[in-house]
Protein backbone atom coordinates (compact mmCIF):
# COMPACT_ATOMS: atom_id res chain seq x y z
CA MET A 1 28.53 -40.88 -12.31
CA THR A 2 27.20 -38.19 -14.68
CA VAL A 3 27.81 -34.51 -14.18
CA LYS A 4 24.44 -33.82 -12.94
CA ALA A 5 24.61 -36.30 -10.46
CA LYS A 6 28.43 -35.16 -9.46
CA LEU A 7 27.07 -31.51 -9.31
CA GLN A 8 24.05 -32.26 -7.02
CA GLU A 9 26.02 -34.61 -4.73
CA ARG A 10 28.25 -31.49 -4.20
CA LEU A 11 25.40 -28.97 -3.58
CA GLY A 12 23.70 -31.71 -0.96
CA THR A 13 20.50 -32.28 -0.82
CA GLU A 14 18.73 -28.79 0.99
CA PRO A 15 16.64 -27.51 -1.64
CA ARG A 16 17.83 -23.86 -2.88
CA PRO A 17 15.20 -21.04 -2.45
CA LEU A 18 13.63 -20.17 -5.38
CA THR A 19 13.48 -16.35 -4.62
CA ARG A 20 15.40 -13.60 -3.05
CA ARG A 21 12.21 -12.94 -1.18
CA VAL A 22 13.33 -11.48 2.07
CA ASP A 23 11.30 -9.49 4.52
CA ARG A 24 10.68 -5.84 3.82
CA GLN A 25 11.06 -3.33 6.82
CA THR A 26 8.47 -0.32 6.78
CA ALA A 27 10.29 2.77 5.73
CA ARG A 28 9.27 6.57 5.92
CA GLY A 29 11.55 8.67 4.26
CA GLU A 30 11.11 11.39 1.50
CA ILE A 31 12.99 10.39 -1.50
CA ILE A 32 13.31 11.87 -5.36
CA VAL A 33 12.54 9.55 -8.26
CA GLN A 34 14.07 10.08 -11.44
CA SER A 35 14.34 8.95 -14.72
CA ALA A 36 17.06 8.72 -17.66
CA HIS A 37 14.85 11.32 -19.71
CA GLY A 38 14.84 13.99 -17.11
CA HIS A 39 11.42 13.55 -15.26
CA SER A 40 11.57 13.91 -11.38
CA ALA A 41 8.99 13.37 -8.62
CA ALA A 42 8.64 13.59 -4.94
CA ALA A 43 8.14 10.36 -3.54
CA ARG A 44 8.02 8.28 0.08
CA LEU A 45 9.68 5.04 1.12
CA ASN A 46 6.83 2.66 1.95
CA ASP A 47 9.15 0.26 3.00
CA ILE A 48 12.52 -1.34 1.69
CA SER A 49 14.75 -4.45 1.89
CA ILE A 50 18.33 -5.11 0.69
CA TYR A 51 16.84 -6.12 -2.94
CA GLY A 52 14.14 -3.04 -3.29
CA CYS A 53 11.70 -1.03 -1.83
CA ASN A 54 7.89 0.12 -2.35
CA ILE A 55 7.46 3.68 -2.92
CA LEU A 56 4.51 6.19 -2.99
CA ALA A 57 4.60 8.72 -5.77
CA GLU A 58 2.57 10.59 -8.20
CA ALA A 59 4.60 10.17 -11.35
CA ASP A 60 2.43 9.28 -14.36
CA TRP A 61 5.36 9.27 -16.63
CA MET A 62 6.78 6.03 -14.36
CA ARG A 63 6.80 2.61 -16.35
CA CYS A 64 7.28 -0.79 -15.53
CA GLY A 65 10.64 -2.05 -16.92
CA MET A 66 11.80 1.67 -16.67
CA PHE A 67 15.65 2.18 -15.29
CA VAL A 68 15.20 4.88 -12.49
CA SER A 69 17.57 6.70 -9.77
CA ILE A 70 16.10 6.78 -6.12
CA ARG A 71 17.93 9.76 -4.35
CA LEU A 72 18.12 9.25 -0.78
CA SER A 73 20.22 11.81 0.08
CA ALA A 74 22.50 14.78 -1.34
CA ASP A 75 25.09 12.24 -1.28
CA ARG A 76 23.37 9.00 -1.93
CA SER A 77 21.45 7.37 -5.02
CA ILE A 78 20.37 4.08 -6.09
CA GLN A 79 19.86 2.52 -9.62
CA ALA A 80 16.64 0.58 -9.85
CA ILE A 81 14.35 -0.96 -12.44
CA VAL A 82 10.55 -0.53 -11.67
CA ARG A 83 8.97 -3.86 -11.37
CA TRP A 84 5.26 -3.14 -11.05
CA ILE A 85 3.03 0.14 -10.61
CA ARG A 86 -0.40 0.42 -9.20
CA ASP A 87 -2.29 3.04 -7.78
CA GLY A 88 0.15 5.58 -6.94
CA SER A 89 2.51 2.74 -5.46
CA CYS A 90 5.36 0.88 -7.03
CA GLY A 91 8.15 -1.58 -6.74
CA VAL A 92 11.42 -1.28 -7.77
CA GLU A 93 14.46 -3.72 -7.69
CA PHE A 94 17.86 -2.25 -7.20
CA LEU A 95 20.36 -2.85 -9.74
CA ARG A 96 22.69 -4.32 -6.89
CA ALA A 97 21.58 -4.93 -3.29
CA ILE A 98 22.69 -3.17 -1.05
CA PRO A 99 24.16 -3.70 2.60
CA GLY A 100 21.53 -4.61 5.34
CA ALA A 101 22.94 -2.15 7.91
CA GLU A 102 21.75 0.69 5.15
CA ALA A 103 18.75 -0.90 4.84
CA ASP A 104 18.06 -0.99 8.37
CA ALA A 105 19.22 2.78 8.43
CA LEU A 106 16.92 3.84 6.03
CA ALA A 107 13.81 1.95 7.45
CA ALA A 108 14.74 3.17 11.22
CA HIS A 109 15.46 6.90 10.24
CA GLY A 110 13.87 7.45 6.82
CA ALA A 111 16.28 9.17 3.98
């Protein structure tokens, strides 16, 4: 038996998901987006999941692939990477997934 066959036998026949896509929850919290270069902008959460969020911001300095810090409150910031930007809206992926309870709380109560 080959290594690949042994691995497939151990993993089973259930297909693995090809994406981390999860349900996003609508959110309306006010946040601050900051770049490593010192740029900062007020923004609004549009939706959130454990892996990332969609924010609405007037930040012409923001670029795809840029690392940003999203300040959710005075004591909580999340590091993220900008994945897409379109018409004042952008999608960011958190560098580390946040706990589901935290995403639920942010969606329910805002930042």
